[in-house]
Amino acid sequence: MHKFLKACVNGIFLALAFLPAALSGFGRVTPVYTFSAHACSSVPGGIGDFLPAAYYHMTLRAFDLSSRISFGSFFAHPEAHIGRAVYIWSYCILGWL
């Protein structure tokens, strides 16, 4: 039951994040990607855990939905890869080399 509910919540947030992800060309239009990444990182609480994960799932090269990114953290570049069950603490700016 827990996995089903989590899948439903992830589905809802994937639907909510689809428009900003599509407007950013799924990570290819850098100014829109950056704006949306900052907007998602500023959402607090439980919503702020699921919304950025859904956005990054659609815009980064790889972002597993089992991973979480906390308030104030964002990816500066869509080339990043994040695997399964990664937790990123608050106020981190992550890039790509």
PDB file of N, CA and C in Angstrom:
ATOM      1  N   MET A   1       0.819  -1.198   0.000  1.00  0.00           N
ATOM      2  CA  MET A   1       0.000   0.000   0.000  1.00  0.00           C
ATOM      3  C   MET A   1       0.860   1.258   0.000  1.00  0.00           C
ATOM      4  N   HIS A   2       1.962   1.225   0.763  1.00  0.00           N
ATOM      5  CA  HIS A   2       2.855   2.386   0.851  1.00  0.00           C
ATOM      6  C   HIS A   2       3.454   2.712  -0.514  1.00  0.00           C
ATOM      7  N   LYS A   3       3.889   1.704  -1.249  1.00  0.00           N
ATOM      8  CA  LYS A   3       4.485   1.922  -2.574  1.00  0.00           C
ATOM      9  C   LYS A   3       3.444   2.490  -3.538  1.00  0.00           C
ATOM     10  N   PHE A   4       2.225   2.027  -3.431  1.00  0.00           N
ATOM     11  CA  PHE A   4       1.155   2.516  -4.297  1.00  0.00           C
ATOM     12  C   PHE A   4       0.875   3.994  -4.041  1.00  0.00           C
ATOM     13  N   LEU A   5       0.778   4.371  -2.768  1.00  0.00           N
ATOM     14  CA  LEU A   5       0.532   5.774  -2.430  1.00  0.00           C
ATOM     15  C   LEU A   5       1.676   6.671  -2.886  1.00  0.00           C
ATOM     16  N   LYS A   6       2.906   6.214  -2.692  1.00  0.00           N
ATOM     17  CA  LYS A   6       4.059   6.998  -3.125  1.00  0.00           C
ATOM     18  C   LYS A   6       4.066   7.146  -4.647  1.00  0.00           C
ATOM     19  N   ALA A   7       3.697   6.097  -5.359  1.00  0.00           N
ATOM     20  CA  ALA A   7       3.613   6.171  -6.817  1.00  0.00           C
ATOM     21  C   ALA A   7       2.529   7.157  -7.252  1.00  0.00           C
ATOM     22  N   CYS A   8       1.408   7.188  -6.539  1.00  0.00           N
ATOM     23  CA  CYS A   8       0.337   8.139  -6.848  1.00  0.00           C
ATOM     24  C   CYS A   8       0.789   9.574  -6.614  1.00  0.00           C
ATOM     25  N   VAL A   9       1.467   9.815  -5.497  1.00  0.00           N
ATOM     26  CA  VAL A   9       1.975  11.155  -5.188  1.00  0.00           C
ATOM     27  C   VAL A   9       3.006  11.570  -6.231  1.00  0.00           C
ATOM     28  N   ASN A  10       3.915  10.662  -6.587  1.00  0.00           N
ATOM     29  CA  ASN A  10       4.891  10.978  -7.628  1.00  0.00           C
ATOM     30  C   ASN A  10       4.201  11.296  -8.948  1.00  0.00           C
ATOM     31  N   GLY A  11       3.145  10.573  -9.281  1.00  0.00           N
ATOM     32  CA  GLY A  11       2.401  10.836 -10.510  1.00  0.00           C
ATOM     33  C   GLY A  11       1.763  12.210 -10.522  1.00  0.00           C
ATOM     34  N   ILE A  12       1.204  12.606  -9.394  1.00  0.00           N
ATOM     35  CA  ILE A  12       0.594  13.942  -9.285  1.00  0.00           C
ATOM     36  C   ILE A  12       1.647  15.022  -9.501  1.00  0.00           C
ATOM     37  N   PHE A  13       2.812  14.858  -8.859  1.00  0.00           N
ATOM     38  CA  PHE A  13       3.848  15.881  -8.985  1.00  0.00           C
ATOM     39  C   PHE A  13       4.526  15.857 -10.350  1.00  0.00           C
ATOM     40  N   LEU A  14       4.568  14.699 -11.003  1.00  0.00           N
ATOM     41  CA  LEU A  14       5.065  14.655 -12.380  1.00  0.00           C
ATOM     42  C   LEU A  14       4.133  15.454 -13.291  1.00  0.00           C
ATOM     43  N   ALA A  15       2.835  15.351 -13.063  1.00  0.00           N
ATOM     44  CA  ALA A  15       1.874  16.125 -13.853  1.00  0.00           C
ATOM     45  C   ALA A  15       2.040  17.626 -13.596  1.00  0.00           C
ATOM     46  N   LEU A  16       2.245  18.007 -12.327  1.00  0.00           N
ATOM     47  CA  LEU A  16       2.436  19.422 -11.987  1.00  0.00           C
ATOM     48  C   LEU A  16       3.730  19.980 -12.569  1.00  0.00           C
ATOM     49  N   ALA A  17       4.762  19.167 -12.617  1.00  0.00           N
ATOM     50  CA  ALA A  17       6.070  19.632 -13.096  1.00  0.00           C
ATOM     51  C   ALA A  17       6.211  19.528 -14.608  1.00  0.00           C
ATOM     52  N   PHE A  18       5.235  18.944 -15.271  1.00  0.00           N
ATOM     53  CA  PHE A  18       5.363  18.743 -16.720  1.00  0.00           C
ATOM     54  C   PHE A  18       5.455  20.063 -17.477  1.00  0.00           C
ATOM     55  N   LEU A  19       4.622  21.047 -17.140  1.00  0.00           N
ATOM     56  CA  LEU A  19       4.620  22.320 -17.867  1.00  0.00           C
ATOM     57  C   LEU A  19       5.960  23.038 -17.759  1.00  0.00           C
ATOM     58  N   PRO A  20       6.502  23.258 -16.542  1.00  0.00           N
ATOM     59  CA  PRO A  20       7.815  23.919 -16.504  1.00  0.00           C
ATOM     60  C   PRO A  20       8.912  23.099 -17.175  1.00  0.00           C
ATOM     61  N   ALA A  21       8.833  21.777 -17.088  1.00  0.00           N
ATOM     62  CA  ALA A  21       9.836  20.936 -17.747  1.00  0.00           C
ATOM     63  C   ALA A  21       9.715  21.060 -19.261  1.00  0.00           C
ATOM     64  N   ALA A  22       8.497  21.075 -19.770  1.00  0.00           N
ATOM     65  CA  ALA A  22       8.291  21.209 -21.215  1.00  0.00           C
ATOM     66  C   ALA A  22       8.730  22.585 -21.700  1.00  0.00           C
ATOM     67  N   LEU A  23       8.417  23.640 -20.929  1.00  0.00           N
ATOM     68  CA  LEU A  23       8.839  24.991 -21.310  1.00  0.00           C
ATOM     69  C   LEU A  23      10.358  25.127 -21.337  1.00  0.00           C
ATOM     70  N   SER A  24      11.033  24.365 -20.495  1.00  0.00           N
ATOM     71  CA  SER A  24      12.498  24.415 -20.480  1.00  0.00           C
ATOM     72  C   SER A  24      13.105  23.491 -21.528  1.00  0.00           C
ATOM     73  N   GLY A  25      12.272  22.923 -22.381  1.00  0.00           N
ATOM     74  CA  GLY A  25      12.768  21.991 -23.388  1.00  0.00           C
ATOM     75  C   GLY A  25      13.343  20.748 -22.749  1.00  0.00           C
ATOM     76  N   PHE A  26      12.796  20.375 -21.589  1.00  0.00           N
ATOM     77  CA  PHE A  26      13.271  19.235 -20.795  1.00  0.00           C
ATOM     78  C   PHE A  26      14.767  19.360 -20.507  1.00  0.00           C
ATOM     79  N   GLY A  27      15.148  20.604 -20.120  1.00  0.00           N
ATOM     80  CA  GLY A  27      16.515  20.882 -19.700  1.00  0.00           C
ATOM     81  C   GLY A  27      17.395  21.483 -20.781  1.00  0.00           C
ATOM     82  N   ARG A  28      16.867  21.690 -21.970  1.00  0.00           N
ATOM     83  CA  ARG A  28      17.694  22.188 -23.073  1.00  0.00           C
ATOM     84  C   ARG A  28      17.683  23.710 -23.205  1.00  0.00           C
ATOM     85  N   VAL A  29      16.644  24.386 -22.700  1.00  0.00           N
ATOM     86  CA  VAL A  29      16.563  25.850 -22.756  1.00  0.00           C
ATOM     87  C   VAL A  29      17.044  26.371 -21.403  1.00  0.00           C
ATOM     88  N   THR A  30      18.313  26.732 -21.356  1.00  0.00           N
ATOM     89  CA  THR A  30      18.980  27.015 -20.076  1.00  0.00           C
ATOM     90  C   THR A  30      18.307  28.100 -19.244  1.00  0.00           C
ATOM     91  N   PRO A  31      17.939  29.278 -19.782  1.00  0.00           N
ATOM     92  CA  PRO A  31      17.323  30.294 -18.904  1.00  0.00           C
ATOM     93  C   PRO A  31      16.022  29.827 -18.259  1.00  0.00           C
ATOM     94  N   VAL A  32      15.190  29.126 -19.012  1.00  0.00           N
ATOM     95  CA  VAL A  32      13.916  28.632 -18.463  1.00  0.00           C
ATOM     96  C   VAL A  32      14.178  27.501 -17.472  1.00  0.00           C
ATOM     97  N   TYR A  33      15.148  26.625 -17.794  1.00  0.00           N
ATOM     98  CA  TYR A  33      15.527  25.553 -16.871  1.00  0.00           C
ATOM     99  C   TYR A  33      15.984  26.139 -15.534  1.00  0.00           C
ATOM    100  N   THR A  34      16.861  27.139 -15.592  1.00  0.00           N
ATOM    101  CA  THR A  34      17.391  27.751 -14.366  1.00  0.00           C
ATOM    102  C   THR A  34      16.291  28.417 -13.557  1.00  0.00           C
ATOM    103  N   PHE A  35      15.405  29.168 -14.222  1.00  0.00           N
ATOM    104  CA  PHE A  35      14.305  29.819 -13.519  1.00  0.00           C
ATOM    105  C   PHE A  35      13.412  28.792 -12.828  1.00  0.00           C
ATOM    106  N   SER A  36      13.057  27.732 -13.554  1.00  0.00           N
ATOM    107  CA  SER A  36      12.188  26.707 -12.982  1.00  0.00           C
ATOM    108  C   SER A  36      12.872  25.937 -11.857  1.00  0.00           C
ATOM    109  N   ALA A  37      14.183  25.703 -11.990  1.00  0.00           N
ATOM    110  CA  ALA A  37      14.928  25.024 -10.923  1.00  0.00           C
ATOM    111  C   ALA A  37      14.911  25.860  -9.650  1.00  0.00           C
ATOM    112  N   HIS A  38      15.096  27.178  -9.786  1.00  0.00           N
ATOM    113  CA  HIS A  38      15.043  28.064  -8.619  1.00  0.00           C
ATOM    114  C   HIS A  38      13.630  28.101  -8.024  1.00  0.00           C
ATOM    115  N   ALA A  39      12.626  28.143  -8.881  1.00  0.00           N
ATOM    116  CA  ALA A  39      11.239  28.167  -8.400  1.00  0.00           C
ATOM    117  C   ALA A  39      10.907  26.887  -7.640  1.00  0.00           C
ATOM    118  N   CYS A  40      11.311  25.741  -8.168  1.00  0.00           N
ATOM    119  CA  CYS A  40      11.036  24.464  -7.483  1.00  0.00           C
ATOM    120  C   CYS A  40      11.789  24.368  -6.160  1.00  0.00           C
ATOM    121  N   SER A  41      12.985  24.937  -6.109  1.00  0.00           N
ATOM    122  CA  SER A  41      13.785  24.841  -4.883  1.00  0.00           C
ATOM    123  C   SER A  41      13.242  25.724  -3.769  1.00  0.00           C
ATOM    124  N   SER A  42      12.368  26.665  -4.113  1.00  0.00           N
ATOM    125  CA  SER A  42      11.850  27.573  -3.084  1.00  0.00           C
ATOM    126  C   SER A  42      10.525  27.115  -2.477  1.00  0.00           C
ATOM    127  N   VAL A  43      10.040  25.948  -2.876  1.00  0.00           N
ATOM    128  CA  VAL A  43       8.787  25.417  -2.328  1.00  0.00           C
ATOM    129  C   VAL A  43       9.098  24.656  -1.039  1.00  0.00           C
ATOM    130  N   PRO A  44       8.501  25.059   0.095  1.00  0.00           N
ATOM    131  CA  PRO A  44       8.812  24.403   1.374  1.00  0.00           C
ATOM    132  C   PRO A  44       7.962  23.166   1.636  1.00  0.00           C
ATOM    133  N   GLY A  45       8.340  22.441   2.664  1.00  0.00           N
ATOM    134  CA  GLY A  45       7.549  21.327   3.187  1.00  0.00           C
ATOM    135  C   GLY A  45       7.589  20.077   2.345  1.00  0.00           C
ATOM    136  N   GLY A  46       6.603  19.233   2.542  1.00  0.00           N
ATOM    137  CA  GLY A  46       6.517  17.964   1.826  1.00  0.00           C
ATOM    138  C   GLY A  46       6.367  18.155   0.327  1.00  0.00           C
ATOM    139  N   ILE A  47       5.621  19.190  -0.060  1.00  0.00           N
ATOM    140  CA  ILE A  47       5.493  19.499  -1.483  1.00  0.00           C
ATOM    141  C   ILE A  47       6.858  19.830  -2.059  1.00  0.00           C
ATOM    142  N   GLY A  48       7.670  20.519  -1.271  1.00  0.00           N
ATOM    143  CA  GLY A  48       9.011  20.894  -1.690  1.00  0.00           C
ATOM    144  C   GLY A  48       9.959  19.721  -1.817  1.00  0.00           C
ATOM    145  N   ASP A  49       9.593  18.561  -1.311  1.00  0.00           N
ATOM    146  CA  ASP A  49      10.401  17.359  -1.515  1.00  0.00           C
ATOM    147  C   ASP A  49      10.029  16.649  -2.813  1.00  0.00           C
ATOM    148  N   PHE A  50       8.757  16.674  -3.169  1.00  0.00           N
ATOM    149  CA  PHE A  50       8.298  15.930  -4.338  1.00  0.00           C
ATOM    150  C   PHE A  50       8.348  16.741  -5.635  1.00  0.00           C
ATOM    151  N   LEU A  51       8.060  18.044  -5.577  1.00  0.00           N
ATOM    152  CA  LEU A  51       8.027  18.854  -6.794  1.00  0.00           C
ATOM    153  C   LEU A  51       9.393  18.955  -7.473  1.00  0.00           C
ATOM    154  N   PRO A  52      10.471  19.289  -6.749  1.00  0.00           N
ATOM    155  CA  PRO A  52      11.773  19.327  -7.423  1.00  0.00           C
ATOM    156  C   PRO A  52      12.191  17.961  -7.958  1.00  0.00           C
ATOM    157  N   ALA A  53      11.883  16.906  -7.235  1.00  0.00           N
ATOM    158  CA  ALA A  53      12.236  15.562  -7.704  1.00  0.00           C
ATOM    159  C   ALA A  53      11.543  15.261  -9.030  1.00  0.00           C
ATOM    160  N   ALA A  54      10.284  15.627  -9.142  1.00  0.00           N
ATOM    161  CA  ALA A  54       9.551  15.405 -10.398  1.00  0.00           C
ATOM    162  C   ALA A  54      10.133  16.252 -11.522  1.00  0.00           C
ATOM    163  N   TYR A  55      10.438  17.512 -11.225  1.00  0.00           N
ATOM    164  CA  TYR A  55      11.019  18.407 -12.240  1.00  0.00           C
ATOM    165  C   TYR A  55      12.370  17.878 -12.705  1.00  0.00           C
ATOM    166  N   TYR A  56      13.218  17.499 -11.772  1.00  0.00           N
ATOM    167  CA  TYR A  56      14.546  17.021 -12.142  1.00  0.00           C
ATOM    168  C   TYR A  56      14.494  15.649 -12.811  1.00  0.00           C
ATOM    169  N   HIS A  57      13.492  14.865 -12.497  1.00  0.00           N
ATOM    170  CA  HIS A  57      13.329  13.570 -13.168  1.00  0.00           C
ATOM    171  C   HIS A  57      13.127  13.777 -14.672  1.00  0.00           C
ATOM    172  N   MET A  58      12.463  14.874 -15.034  1.00  0.00           N
ATOM    173  CA  MET A  58      12.194  15.142 -16.440  1.00  0.00           C
ATOM    174  C   MET A  58      13.262  15.986 -17.122  1.00  0.00           C
ATOM    175  N   THR A  59      14.109  16.685 -16.351  1.00  0.00           N
ATOM    176  CA  THR A  59      15.046  17.609 -16.986  1.00  0.00           C
ATOM    177  C   THR A  59      16.513  17.208 -16.869  1.00  0.00           C
ATOM    178  N   LEU A  60      16.903  16.491 -15.830  1.00  0.00           N
ATOM    179  CA  LEU A  60      18.297  16.073 -15.715  1.00  0.00           C
ATOM    180  C   LEU A  60      18.542  14.847 -16.588  1.00  0.00           C
ATOM    181  N   ARG A  61      19.807  14.558 -16.847  1.00  0.00           N
ATOM    182  CA  ARG A  61      20.128  13.344 -17.620  1.00  0.00           C
ATOM    183  C   ARG A  61      19.620  12.108 -16.893  1.00  0.00           C
ATOM    184  N   ALA A  62      19.736  12.102 -15.560  1.00  0.00           N
ATOM    185  CA  ALA A  62      19.208  10.995 -14.755  1.00  0.00           C
ATOM    186  C   ALA A  62      18.882  11.512 -13.359  1.00  0.00           C
ATOM    187  N   PHE A  63      17.673  11.255 -12.903  1.00  0.00           N
ATOM    188  CA  PHE A  63      17.263  11.575 -11.532  1.00  0.00           C
ATOM    189  C   PHE A  63      16.186  10.570 -11.154  1.00  0.00           C
ATOM    190  N   ASP A  64      16.530   9.667 -10.243  1.00  0.00           N
ATOM    191  CA  ASP A  64      15.595   8.632  -9.809  1.00  0.00           C
ATOM    192  C   ASP A  64      14.568   9.237  -8.855  1.00  0.00           C
ATOM    193  N   LEU A  65      13.307   8.870  -9.024  1.00  0.00           N
ATOM    194  CA  LEU A  65      12.245   9.422  -8.179  1.00  0.00           C
ATOM    195  C   LEU A  65      12.331   8.978  -6.725  1.00  0.00           C
ATOM    196  N   SER A  66      13.175   8.014  -6.416  1.00  0.00           N
ATOM    197  CA  SER A  66      13.372   7.630  -5.013  1.00  0.00           C
ATOM    198  C   SER A  66      14.315   8.591  -4.302  1.00  0.00           C
ATOM    199  N   SER A  67      14.967   9.487  -5.037  1.00  0.00           N
ATOM    200  CA  SER A  67      15.878  10.472  -4.446  1.00  0.00           C
ATOM    201  C   SER A  67      15.085  11.707  -4.027  1.00  0.00           C
ATOM    202  N   ARG A  68      15.640  12.464  -3.107  1.00  0.00           N
ATOM    203  CA  ARG A  68      14.997  13.682  -2.616  1.00  0.00           C
ATOM    204  C   ARG A  68      16.007  14.818  -2.608  1.00  0.00           C
ATOM    205  N   ILE A  69      15.490  16.025  -2.832  1.00  0.00           N
ATOM    206  CA  ILE A  69      16.307  17.233  -2.782  1.00  0.00           C
ATOM    207  C   ILE A  69      15.572  18.223  -1.886  1.00  0.00           C
ATOM    208  N   SER A  70      16.252  18.741  -0.883  1.00  0.00           N
ATOM    209  CA  SER A  70      15.605  19.580   0.133  1.00  0.00           C
ATOM    210  C   SER A  70      15.497  21.041  -0.291  1.00  0.00           C
ATOM    211  N   PHE A  71      14.797  21.788   0.536  1.00  0.00           N
ATOM    212  CA  PHE A  71      14.510  23.206   0.315  1.00  0.00           C
ATOM    213  C   PHE A  71      15.784  24.003   0.036  1.00  0.00           C
ATOM    214  N   GLY A  72      15.738  24.820  -0.989  1.00  0.00           N
ATOM    215  CA  GLY A  72      16.842  25.721  -1.292  1.00  0.00           C
ATOM    216  C   GLY A  72      17.955  25.115  -2.123  1.00  0.00           C
ATOM    217  N   SER A  73      17.896  23.826  -2.405  1.00  0.00           N
ATOM    218  CA  SER A  73      18.931  23.174  -3.210  1.00  0.00           C
ATOM    219  C   SER A  73      18.470  23.079  -4.659  1.00  0.00           C
ATOM    220  N   PHE A  74      19.410  23.232  -5.574  1.00  0.00           N
ATOM    221  CA  PHE A  74      19.063  23.101  -6.980  1.00  0.00           C
ATOM    222  C   PHE A  74      20.276  22.690  -7.801  1.00  0.00           C
ATOM    223  N   PHE A  75      20.000  22.208  -8.994  1.00  0.00           N
ATOM    224  CA  PHE A  75      21.041  21.823  -9.936  1.00  0.00           C
ATOM    225  C   PHE A  75      21.245  22.975 -10.905  1.00  0.00           C
ATOM    226  N   ALA A  76      22.477  23.444 -11.012  1.00  0.00           N
ATOM    227  CA  ALA A  76      22.787  24.552 -11.898  1.00  0.00           C
ATOM    228  C   ALA A  76      22.840  24.125 -13.358  1.00  0.00           C
ATOM    229  N   HIS A  77      23.063  22.857 -13.619  1.00  0.00           N
ATOM    230  CA  HIS A  77      23.199  22.350 -14.984  1.00  0.00           C
ATOM    231  C   HIS A  77      22.379  21.065 -15.147  1.00  0.00           C
ATOM    232  N   PRO A  78      21.678  20.928 -16.260  1.00  0.00           N
ATOM    233  CA  PRO A  78      20.854  19.729 -16.454  1.00  0.00           C
ATOM    234  C   PRO A  78      21.638  18.475 -16.856  1.00  0.00           C
ATOM    235  N   GLU A  79      22.950  18.557 -16.921  1.00  0.00           N
ATOM    236  CA  GLU A  79      23.758  17.395 -17.303  1.00  0.00           C
ATOM    237  C   GLU A  79      24.037  16.445 -16.144  1.00  0.00           C
ATOM    238  N   ALA A  80      23.566  16.755 -14.968  1.00  0.00           N
ATOM    239  CA  ALA A  80      23.859  15.952 -13.774  1.00  0.00           C
ATOM    240  C   ALA A  80      23.149  14.599 -13.813  1.00  0.00           C
ATOM    241  N   HIS A  81      23.713  13.649 -13.096  1.00  0.00           N
ATOM    242  CA  HIS A  81      23.155  12.299 -12.944  1.00  0.00           C
ATOM    243  C   HIS A  81      22.992  12.025 -11.451  1.00  0.00           C
ATOM    244  N   ILE A  82      21.808  11.678 -11.017  1.00  0.00           N
ATOM    245  CA  ILE A  82      21.564  11.326  -9.614  1.00  0.00           C
ATOM    246  C   ILE A  82      20.912   9.949  -9.599  1.00  0.00           C
ATOM    247  N   GLY A  83      21.493   9.056  -8.840  1.00  0.00           N
ATOM    248  CA  GLY A  83      21.027   7.678  -8.792  1.00  0.00           C
ATOM    249  C   GLY A  83      19.894   7.458  -7.813  1.00  0.00           C
ATOM    250  N   ARG A  84      19.738   6.226  -7.426  1.00  0.00           N
ATOM    251  CA  ARG A  84      18.642   5.770  -6.577  1.00  0.00           C
ATOM    252  C   ARG A  84      18.912   6.105  -5.116  1.00  0.00           C
ATOM    253  N   ALA A  85      17.880   6.583  -4.418  1.00  0.00           N
ATOM    254  CA  ALA A  85      17.876   6.819  -2.968  1.00  0.00           C
ATOM    255  C   ALA A  85      18.959   7.788  -2.506  1.00  0.00           C
ATOM    256  N   VAL A  86      19.168   8.861  -3.260  1.00  0.00           N
ATOM    257  CA  VAL A  86      20.113   9.905  -2.872  1.00  0.00           C
ATOM    258  C   VAL A  86      19.329  11.006  -2.162  1.00  0.00           C
ATOM    259  N   TYR A  87      19.884  11.519  -1.062  1.00  0.00           N
ATOM    260  CA  TYR A  87      19.248  12.631  -0.352  1.00  0.00           C
ATOM    261  C   TYR A  87      20.193  13.819  -0.387  1.00  0.00           C
ATOM    262  N   ILE A  88      19.719  14.942  -0.900  1.00  0.00           N
ATOM    263  CA  ILE A  88      20.520  16.161  -0.978  1.00  0.00           C
ATOM    264  C   ILE A  88      19.967  17.131   0.048  1.00  0.00           C
ATOM    265  N   TRP A  89      20.835  17.558   0.950  1.00  0.00           N
ATOM    266  CA  TRP A  89      20.460  18.414   2.062  1.00  0.00           C
ATOM    267  C   TRP A  89      20.089  19.806   1.575  1.00  0.00           C
ATOM    268  N   SER A  90      19.646  20.664   2.465  1.00  0.00           N
ATOM    269  CA  SER A  90      19.198  22.020   2.140  1.00  0.00           C
ATOM    270  C   SER A  90      20.348  22.934   1.698  1.00  0.00           C
ATOM    271  N   TYR A  91      19.994  23.869   0.841  1.00  0.00           N
ATOM    272  CA  TYR A  91      20.863  24.959   0.401  1.00  0.00           C
ATOM    273  C   TYR A  91      22.139  24.494  -0.302  1.00  0.00           C
ATOM    274  N   CYS A  92      22.038  23.477  -1.132  1.00  0.00           N
ATOM    275  CA  CYS A  92      23.174  22.996  -1.934  1.00  0.00           C
ATOM    276  C   CYS A  92      22.967  23.467  -3.384  1.00  0.00           C
ATOM    277  N   ILE A  93      24.028  23.914  -3.991  1.00  0.00           N
ATOM    278  CA  ILE A  93      24.008  24.244  -5.411  1.00  0.00           C
ATOM    279  C   ILE A  93      24.887  23.199  -6.081  1.00  0.00           C
ATOM    280  N   LEU A  94      24.279  22.410  -6.919  1.00  0.00           N
ATOM    281  CA  LEU A  94      24.999  21.291  -7.538  1.00  0.00           C
ATOM    282  C   LEU A  94      25.230  21.590  -9.012  1.00  0.00           C
ATOM    283  N   GLY A  95      26.437  21.296  -9.453  1.00  0.00           N
ATOM    284  CA  GLY A  95      26.803  21.538 -10.842  1.00  0.00           C
ATOM    285  C   GLY A  95      27.217  20.272 -11.530  1.00  0.00           C
ATOM    286  N   TRP A  96      27.941  20.440 -12.602  1.00  0.00           N
ATOM    287  CA  TRP A  96      28.392  19.324 -13.391  1.00  0.00           C
ATOM    288  C   TRP A  96      29.776  19.645 -13.925  1.00  0.00           C
ATOM    289  N   LEU A  97      30.677  18.689 -13.874  1.00  0.00           N
ATOM    290  CA  LEU A  97      32.031  18.888 -14.409  1.00  0.00           C
ATOM    291  C   LEU A  97      32.258  18.034 -15.612  1.00  0.00           C
TER     292      LEU A  97
END
